[in-house]
PDB file of N, CA and C in Angstrom:
ATOM      1  N   UNK A   1       0.358  -0.722  -0.159  1.00  0.00           N
ATOM      2  CA  UNK A   1       0.052   0.204   0.445  1.00  0.00           C
ATOM      3  C   UNK A   1       1.088   1.293   0.144  1.00  0.00           C
ATOM      4  N   UNK A   2       0.927   2.222  -0.927  1.00  0.00           N
ATOM      5  CA  UNK A   2       0.761   3.262  -1.040  1.00  0.00           C
ATOM      6  C   UNK A   2       0.819   4.182  -0.412  1.00  0.00           C
ATOM      7  N   UNK A   3       0.959   4.689   0.778  1.00  0.00           N
ATOM      8  CA  UNK A   3       0.447   6.179   1.451  1.00  0.00           C
ATOM      9  C   UNK A   3       1.150   7.531   1.609  1.00  0.00           C
ATOM     10  N   UNK A   4       0.745   7.962   1.126  1.00  0.00           N
ATOM     11  CA  UNK A   4       1.508  10.149   0.517  1.00  0.00           C
ATOM     12  C   UNK A   4       1.122  10.722   2.292  1.00  0.00           C
ATOM     13  N   UNK A   5       2.125  10.796   3.050  1.00  0.00           N
ATOM     14  CA  UNK A   5       2.152  11.920   3.904  1.00  0.00           C
ATOM     15  C   UNK A   5       1.655  13.757   3.750  1.00  0.00           C
ATOM     16  N   UNK A   6       2.159  14.163   1.766  1.00  0.00           N
ATOM     17  CA  UNK A   6       1.573  15.167   1.530  1.00  0.00           C
ATOM     18  C   UNK A   6       1.437  16.673   2.177  1.00  0.00           C
ATOM     19  N   UNK A   7       0.124  15.896   2.464  1.00  0.00           N
ATOM     20  CA  UNK A   7      -0.843  17.618   3.232  1.00  0.00           C
ATOM     21  C   UNK A   7      -0.306  17.705   5.010  1.00  0.00           C
ATOM     22  N   UNK A   8       1.091  15.706   5.541  1.00  0.00           N
ATOM     23  CA  UNK A   8       1.565  16.646   6.778  1.00  0.00           C
ATOM     24  C   UNK A   8       2.446  17.379   6.580  1.00  0.00           C
ATOM     25  N   UNK A   9       3.609  16.989   5.724  1.00  0.00           N
ATOM     26  CA  UNK A   9       5.056  17.527   5.487  1.00  0.00           C
ATOM     27  C   UNK A   9       4.487  19.424   5.013  1.00  0.00           C
ATOM     28  N   UNK A  10       3.006  20.034   3.604  1.00  0.00           N
ATOM     29  CA  UNK A  10       2.821  20.787   4.105  1.00  0.00           C
ATOM     30  C   UNK A  10       2.289  21.838   5.018  1.00  0.00           C
ATOM     31  N   UNK A  11       1.524  21.051   5.824  1.00  0.00           N
ATOM     32  CA  UNK A  11       1.340  21.548   6.665  1.00  0.00           C
ATOM     33  C   UNK A  11       2.982  21.713   7.903  1.00  0.00           C
ATOM     34  N   UNK A  12       4.036  21.384   8.606  1.00  0.00           N
ATOM     35  CA  UNK A  12       4.589  22.008   7.935  1.00  0.00           C
ATOM     36  C   UNK A  12       5.195  22.704   7.495  1.00  0.00           C
ATOM     37  N   UNK A  13       5.736  23.166   6.746  1.00  0.00           N
ATOM     38  CA  UNK A  13       5.720  23.909   5.252  1.00  0.00           C
ATOM     39  C   UNK A  13       4.587  25.332   5.684  1.00  0.00           C
ATOM     40  N   UNK A  14       3.214  24.488   6.535  1.00  0.00           N
ATOM     41  CA  UNK A  14       2.829  25.986   6.604  1.00  0.00           C
ATOM     42  C   UNK A  14       3.172  26.596   7.708  1.00  0.00           C
ATOM     43  N   UNK A  15       2.972  25.810   8.968  1.00  0.00           N
ATOM     44  CA  UNK A  15       3.324  26.630   9.694  1.00  0.00           C
ATOM     45  C   UNK A  15       5.347  26.913   9.913  1.00  0.00           C
ATOM     46  N   UNK A  16       6.467  26.578   9.275  1.00  0.00           N
ATOM     47  CA  UNK A  16       7.347  27.287   9.838  1.00  0.00           C
ATOM     48  C   UNK A  16       7.694  26.555  10.050  1.00  0.00           C
ATOM     49  N   UNK A  17       7.485  25.347  10.553  1.00  0.00           N
ATOM     50  CA  UNK A  17       8.203  23.592  10.675  1.00  0.00           C
ATOM     51  C   UNK A  17       8.712  22.596  10.583  1.00  0.00           C
ATOM     52  N   UNK A  18       9.739  22.030  11.100  1.00  0.00           N
ATOM     53  CA  UNK A  18      11.117  20.884  10.302  1.00  0.00           C
ATOM     54  C   UNK A  18      10.452  19.976  11.430  1.00  0.00           C
ATOM     55  N   UNK A  19      10.730  18.875  11.147  1.00  0.00           N
ATOM     56  CA  UNK A  19      10.448  17.369  11.241  1.00  0.00           C
ATOM     57  C   UNK A  19      10.724  17.724  12.738  1.00  0.00           C
ATOM     58  N   UNK A  20      11.546  17.628  12.834  1.00  0.00           N
ATOM     59  CA  UNK A  20      12.028  17.802  13.642  1.00  0.00           C
ATOM     60  C   UNK A  20      11.440  18.115  15.411  1.00  0.00           C
ATOM     61  N   UNK A  21      10.515  20.230  14.559  1.00  0.00           N
ATOM     62  CA  UNK A  21       9.460  20.279  15.116  1.00  0.00           C
ATOM     63  C   UNK A  21       8.479  19.888  15.802  1.00  0.00           C
ATOM     64  N   UNK A  22       7.907  19.231  14.668  1.00  0.00           N
ATOM     65  CA  UNK A  22       7.026  17.693  14.966  1.00  0.00           C
ATOM     66  C   UNK A  22       7.371  17.003  15.882  1.00  0.00           C
ATOM     67  N   UNK A  23       8.189  16.492  15.665  1.00  0.00           N
ATOM     68  CA  UNK A  23       9.313  15.670  16.728  1.00  0.00           C
ATOM     69  C   UNK A  23       8.836  15.730  18.335  1.00  0.00           C
ATOM     70  N   UNK A  24       9.466  16.794  18.555  1.00  0.00           N
ATOM     71  CA  UNK A  24       9.857  17.712  20.130  1.00  0.00           C
ATOM     72  C   UNK A  24       8.350  18.171  20.135  1.00  0.00           C
ATOM     73  N   UNK A  25       7.215  18.280  20.259  1.00  0.00           N
ATOM     74  CA  UNK A  25       5.631  19.242  19.885  1.00  0.00           C
ATOM     75  C   UNK A  25       5.005  18.023  19.490  1.00  0.00           C
ATOM     76  N   UNK A  26       4.783  16.858  19.593  1.00  0.00           N
ATOM     77  CA  UNK A  26       3.872  15.380  19.656  1.00  0.00           C
ATOM     78  C   UNK A  26       4.686  14.196  20.623  1.00  0.00           C
ATOM     79  N   UNK A  27       5.948  14.528  20.220  1.00  0.00           N
ATOM     80  CA  UNK A  27       6.843  12.826  20.908  1.00  0.00           C
ATOM     81  C   UNK A  27       6.276  12.115  20.456  1.00  0.00           C
ATOM     82  N   UNK A  28       6.361  12.447  19.035  1.00  0.00           N
ATOM     83  CA  UNK A  28       6.741  10.880  18.886  1.00  0.00           C
ATOM     84  C   UNK A  28       7.934  10.696  17.330  1.00  0.00           C
ATOM     85  N   UNK A  29       8.942   8.870  17.899  1.00  0.00           N
ATOM     86  CA  UNK A  29       9.815   8.841  17.776  1.00  0.00           C
ATOM     87  C   UNK A  29      11.314   9.709  16.569  1.00  0.00           C
ATOM     88  N   UNK A  30      11.433   9.844  16.703  1.00  0.00           N
ATOM     89  CA  UNK A  30      13.183  10.067  15.317  1.00  0.00           C
ATOM     90  C   UNK A  30      12.351   8.305  14.071  1.00  0.00           C
ATOM     91  N   UNK A  31      12.104   7.149  14.751  1.00  0.00           N
ATOM     92  CA  UNK A  31      11.765   5.781  13.694  1.00  0.00           C
ATOM     93  C   UNK A  31      10.286   6.541  13.142  1.00  0.00           C
ATOM     94  N   UNK A  32       9.762   6.903  13.992  1.00  0.00           N
ATOM     95  CA  UNK A  32       8.293   7.049  13.920  1.00  0.00           C
ATOM     96  C   UNK A  32       8.201   7.706  11.900  1.00  0.00           C
ATOM     97  N   UNK A  33       8.723   9.034  12.574  1.00  0.00           N
ATOM     98  CA  UNK A  33       8.868  10.058  11.546  1.00  0.00           C
ATOM     99  C   UNK A  33       9.738   9.700  10.246  1.00  0.00           C
ATOM    100  N   UNK A  34      10.218   8.825  10.900  1.00  0.00           N
ATOM    101  CA  UNK A  34      11.263   7.879   9.635  1.00  0.00           C
ATOM    102  C   UNK A  34      10.384   7.243   8.436  1.00  0.00           C
ATOM    103  N   UNK A  35       9.967   6.629   9.321  1.00  0.00           N
ATOM    104  CA  UNK A  35       8.384   6.014   8.544  1.00  0.00           C
ATOM    105  C   UNK A  35       7.822   6.055   8.362  1.00  0.00           C
ATOM    106  N   UNK A  36       6.739   8.222   8.651  1.00  0.00           N
ATOM    107  CA  UNK A  36       6.873   8.955   7.587  1.00  0.00           C
ATOM    108  C   UNK A  36       7.301   9.617   6.333  1.00  0.00           C
ATOM    109  N   UNK A  37       8.509   9.656   6.472  1.00  0.00           N
ATOM    110  CA  UNK A  37       9.189   9.814   4.818  1.00  0.00           C
ATOM    111  C   UNK A  37       9.569   8.839   3.846  1.00  0.00           C
ATOM    112  N   UNK A  38       8.772   7.606   4.842  1.00  0.00           N
ATOM    113  CA  UNK A  38       9.167   6.697   3.572  1.00  0.00           C
ATOM    114  C   UNK A  38       8.532   6.234   2.802  1.00  0.00           C
ATOM    115  N   UNK A  39       6.889   6.568   3.089  1.00  0.00           N
ATOM    116  CA  UNK A  39       5.538   6.012   2.859  1.00  0.00           C
ATOM    117  C   UNK A  39       4.632   5.236   3.132  1.00  0.00           C
ATOM    118  N   UNK A  40       5.142   5.233   4.342  1.00  0.00           N
ATOM    119  CA  UNK A  40       5.430   3.743   5.287  1.00  0.00           C
ATOM    120  C   UNK A  40       4.246   3.937   5.544  1.00  0.00           C
ATOM    121  N   UNK A  41       3.258   3.336   6.872  1.00  0.00           N
ATOM    122  CA  UNK A  41       1.601   3.388   7.705  1.00  0.00           C
ATOM    123  C   UNK A  41       3.315   3.293   9.075  1.00  0.00           C
ATOM    124  N   UNK A  42       1.705   4.180   9.401  1.00  0.00           N
ATOM    125  CA  UNK A  42       2.185   4.939  11.474  1.00  0.00           C
ATOM    126  C   UNK A  42       0.584   4.032  11.648  1.00  0.00           C
ATOM    127  N   UNK A  43       1.235   3.943  13.093  1.00  0.00           N
ATOM    128  CA  UNK A  43      -0.522   4.031  13.708  1.00  0.00           C
ATOM    129  C   UNK A  43      -0.861   5.851  13.907  1.00  0.00           C
ATOM    130  N   UNK A  44      -2.850   4.964  14.300  1.00  0.00           N
ATOM    131  CA  UNK A  44      -3.754   6.433  14.111  1.00  0.00           C
ATOM    132  C   UNK A  44      -3.220   6.652  15.508  1.00  0.00           C
ATOM    133  N   UNK A  45      -3.153   5.925  16.313  1.00  0.00           N
ATOM    134  CA  UNK A  45      -2.606   6.840  17.465  1.00  0.00           C
ATOM    135  C   UNK A  45      -1.636   8.216  17.468  1.00  0.00           C
ATOM    136  N   UNK A  46      -0.510   7.918  16.319  1.00  0.00           N
ATOM    137  CA  UNK A  46       0.802   8.145  16.369  1.00  0.00           C
ATOM    138  C   UNK A  46      -0.519  10.167  14.800  1.00  0.00           C
ATOM    139  N   UNK A  47      -0.993   9.444  14.383  1.00  0.00           N
ATOM    140  CA  UNK A  47      -1.908  10.337  13.509  1.00  0.00           C
ATOM    141  C   UNK A  47      -2.569  11.156  14.213  1.00  0.00           C
ATOM    142  N   UNK A  48      -3.207  10.856  14.962  1.00  0.00           N
ATOM    143  CA  UNK A  48      -3.988  11.031  15.886  1.00  0.00           C
ATOM    144  C   UNK A  48      -3.465  12.878  17.316  1.00  0.00           C
ATOM    145  N   UNK A  49      -2.143  11.969  17.750  1.00  0.00           N
ATOM    146  CA  UNK A  49      -1.246  13.654  18.483  1.00  0.00           C
ATOM    147  C   UNK A  49      -1.124  14.815  17.795  1.00  0.00           C
ATOM    148  N   UNK A  50      -0.603  14.196  15.812  1.00  0.00           N
ATOM    149  CA  UNK A  50       0.017  14.773  15.337  1.00  0.00           C
ATOM    150  C   UNK A  50      -1.964  15.177  14.432  1.00  0.00           C
ATOM    151  N   UNK A  51      -2.825  15.250  14.449  1.00  0.00           N
ATOM    152  CA  UNK A  51      -4.084  16.114  14.429  1.00  0.00           C
ATOM    153  C   UNK A  51      -4.412  17.102  15.734  1.00  0.00           C
ATOM    154  N   UNK A  52      -4.081  16.605  16.860  1.00  0.00           N
ATOM    155  CA  UNK A  52      -4.594  16.774  18.021  1.00  0.00           C
ATOM    156  C   UNK A  52      -2.557  18.233  17.623  1.00  0.00           C
ATOM    157  N   UNK A  53      -1.847  18.746  17.794  1.00  0.00           N
ATOM    158  CA  UNK A  53      -0.921  19.825  17.848  1.00  0.00           C
ATOM    159  C   UNK A  53      -1.686  19.948  17.154  1.00  0.00           C
ATOM    160  N   UNK A  54      -2.073  20.913  15.717  1.00  0.00           N
ATOM    161  CA  UNK A  54      -2.772  21.267  14.625  1.00  0.00           C
ATOM    162  C   UNK A  54      -4.203  21.723  14.553  1.00  0.00           C
ATOM    163  N   UNK A  55      -4.851  21.228  15.393  1.00  0.00           N
ATOM    164  CA  UNK A  55      -6.273  20.872  14.767  1.00  0.00           C
ATOM    165  C   UNK A  55      -7.003  20.281  13.859  1.00  0.00           C
ATOM    166  N   UNK A  56      -6.175  19.513  13.383  1.00  0.00           N
ATOM    167  CA  UNK A  56      -6.823  18.969  11.552  1.00  0.00           C
ATOM    168  C   UNK A  56      -7.281  17.486  11.408  1.00  0.00           C
ATOM    169  N   UNK A  57      -7.678  16.655  10.597  1.00  0.00           N
ATOM    170  CA  UNK A  57      -8.077  15.842  10.089  1.00  0.00           C
ATOM    171  C   UNK A  57      -7.195  15.368  10.414  1.00  0.00           C
ATOM    172  N   UNK A  58      -7.939  13.268   9.962  1.00  0.00           N
ATOM    173  CA  UNK A  58      -6.369  12.498   9.428  1.00  0.00           C
ATOM    174  C   UNK A  58      -6.855  12.555   8.191  1.00  0.00           C
ATOM    175  N   UNK A  59      -6.993  12.399   7.194  1.00  0.00           N
ATOM    176  CA  UNK A  59      -7.303  12.916   6.223  1.00  0.00           C
ATOM    177  C   UNK A  59      -6.776  14.020   5.769  1.00  0.00           C
ATOM    178  N   UNK A  60      -6.019  14.745   6.457  1.00  0.00           N
ATOM    179  CA  UNK A  60      -5.715  15.853   6.139  1.00  0.00           C
ATOM    180  C   UNK A  60      -3.625  16.145   6.446  1.00  0.00           C
ATOM    181  N   UNK A  61      -4.040  14.883   6.811  1.00  0.00           N
ATOM    182  CA  UNK A  61      -2.583  14.831   6.555  1.00  0.00           C
ATOM    183  C   UNK A  61      -1.871  13.317   5.996  1.00  0.00           C
ATOM    184  N   UNK A  62      -3.679  12.105   5.715  1.00  0.00           N
ATOM    185  CA  UNK A  62      -1.805  11.115   5.342  1.00  0.00           C
ATOM    186  C   UNK A  62      -3.728  11.381   3.395  1.00  0.00           C
ATOM    187  N   UNK A  63      -3.155  10.330   3.065  1.00  0.00           N
ATOM    188  CA  UNK A  63      -3.853   9.750   1.710  1.00  0.00           C
ATOM    189  C   UNK A  63      -3.605   8.730   1.378  1.00  0.00           C
ATOM    190  N   UNK A  64      -4.019   6.942   0.749  1.00  0.00           N
ATOM    191  CA  UNK A  64      -3.909   6.058   0.298  1.00  0.00           C
ATOM    192  C   UNK A  64      -2.861   6.731  -1.458  1.00  0.00           C
ATOM    193  N   UNK A  65      -2.755   6.633  -1.752  1.00  0.00           N
ATOM    194  CA  UNK A  65      -1.681   6.554  -3.496  1.00  0.00           C
ATOM    195  C   UNK A  65      -2.165   5.007  -4.067  1.00  0.00           C
ATOM    196  N   UNK A  66      -3.758   5.367  -4.751  1.00  0.00           N
ATOM    197  CA  UNK A  66      -4.164   3.911  -4.897  1.00  0.00           C
ATOM    198  C   UNK A  66      -3.274   3.988  -7.147  1.00  0.00           C
ATOM    199  N   UNK A  67      -2.967   4.751  -7.502  1.00  0.00           N
ATOM    200  CA  UNK A  67      -2.219   4.862  -8.731  1.00  0.00           C
ATOM    201  C   UNK A  67      -1.464   3.972  -8.200  1.00  0.00           C
ATOM    202  N   UNK A  68      -0.089   5.313  -7.287  1.00  0.00           N
ATOM    203  CA  UNK A  68       1.086   4.101  -7.684  1.00  0.00           C
ATOM    204  C   UNK A  68       1.576   2.278  -7.082  1.00  0.00           C
ATOM    205  N   UNK A  69       0.343   2.066  -5.622  1.00  0.00           N
ATOM    206  CA  UNK A  69      -0.508   1.288  -5.479  1.00  0.00           C
ATOM    207  C   UNK A  69      -0.139   0.081  -6.350  1.00  0.00           C
ATOM    208  N   UNK A  70      -1.087   0.576  -7.423  1.00  0.00           N
ATOM    209  CA  UNK A  70      -1.863  -0.505  -8.723  1.00  0.00           C
ATOM    210  C   UNK A  70      -0.900  -0.174  -9.482  1.00  0.00           C
ATOM    211  N   UNK A  71       0.582  -0.041 -10.461  1.00  0.00           N
ATOM    212  CA  UNK A  71       0.963   0.210 -10.950  1.00  0.00           C
ATOM    213  C   UNK A  71       2.229  -0.434  -9.734  1.00  0.00           C
ATOM    214  N   UNK A  72       3.380  -0.906  -8.044  1.00  0.00           N
ATOM    215  CA  UNK A  72       3.650  -1.542  -7.649  1.00  0.00           C
ATOM    216  C   UNK A  72       3.175  -2.804  -8.402  1.00  0.00           C
ATOM    217  N   UNK A  73       1.942  -3.147  -8.197  1.00  0.00           N
ATOM    218  CA  UNK A  73       1.263  -4.256  -8.041  1.00  0.00           C
ATOM    219  C   UNK A  73       1.381  -4.845  -9.583  1.00  0.00           C
ATOM    220  N   UNK A  74       1.588  -3.738 -11.352  1.00  0.00           N
ATOM    221  CA  UNK A  74       1.533  -4.333 -11.991  1.00  0.00           C
ATOM    222  C   UNK A  74       2.550  -4.873 -12.336  1.00  0.00           C
ATOM    223  N   UNK A  75       3.907  -4.207 -11.841  1.00  0.00           N
ATOM    224  CA  UNK A  75       4.809  -4.015 -12.036  1.00  0.00           C
ATOM    225  C   UNK A  75       5.231  -6.393 -11.505  1.00  0.00           C
ATOM    226  N   UNK A  76       4.778  -6.830 -10.596  1.00  0.00           N
ATOM    227  CA  UNK A  76       4.732  -7.745 -10.237  1.00  0.00           C
ATOM    228  C   UNK A  76       5.609  -8.474 -10.923  1.00  0.00           C
ATOM    229  N   UNK A  77       3.397  -8.529 -11.461  1.00  0.00           N
ATOM    230  CA  UNK A  77       3.032  -9.551 -11.857  1.00  0.00           C
ATOM    231  C   UNK A  77       3.360  -9.468 -13.640  1.00  0.00           C
ATOM    232  N   UNK A  78       4.394  -8.619 -13.666  1.00  0.00           N
ATOM    233  CA  UNK A  78       4.270  -8.110 -14.929  1.00  0.00           C
ATOM    234  C   UNK A  78       4.153  -8.078 -16.131  1.00  0.00           C
ATOM    235  N   UNK A  79       3.524  -6.762 -15.681  1.00  0.00           N
ATOM    236  CA  UNK A  79       2.965  -6.354 -16.812  1.00  0.00           C
ATOM    237  C   UNK A  79       2.733  -4.961 -16.562  1.00  0.00           C
ATOM    238  N   UNK A  80       3.448  -4.404 -17.721  1.00  0.00           N
ATOM    239  CA  UNK A  80       3.546  -2.781 -17.678  1.00  0.00           C
ATOM    240  C   UNK A  80       2.415  -1.511 -17.741  1.00  0.00           C
TER     241      UNK A  80
END
């Protein structure tokens, strides 16, 4: 599953913050920040902490990239 955190990165930019600031303000770990940077899944608890910090909804932070997901699946089957 391809996950995009582009909404989160935009929120950080809009608030003049860096990933380290997010870590300090929410208490989430460096490993979790790395997972999000790499488009990997994180827990709902993590997303809830971020939403509480920025007063937003989960949909403002993350989305499933279905186009990328299909492309990866097609390549595994040998189709292009």
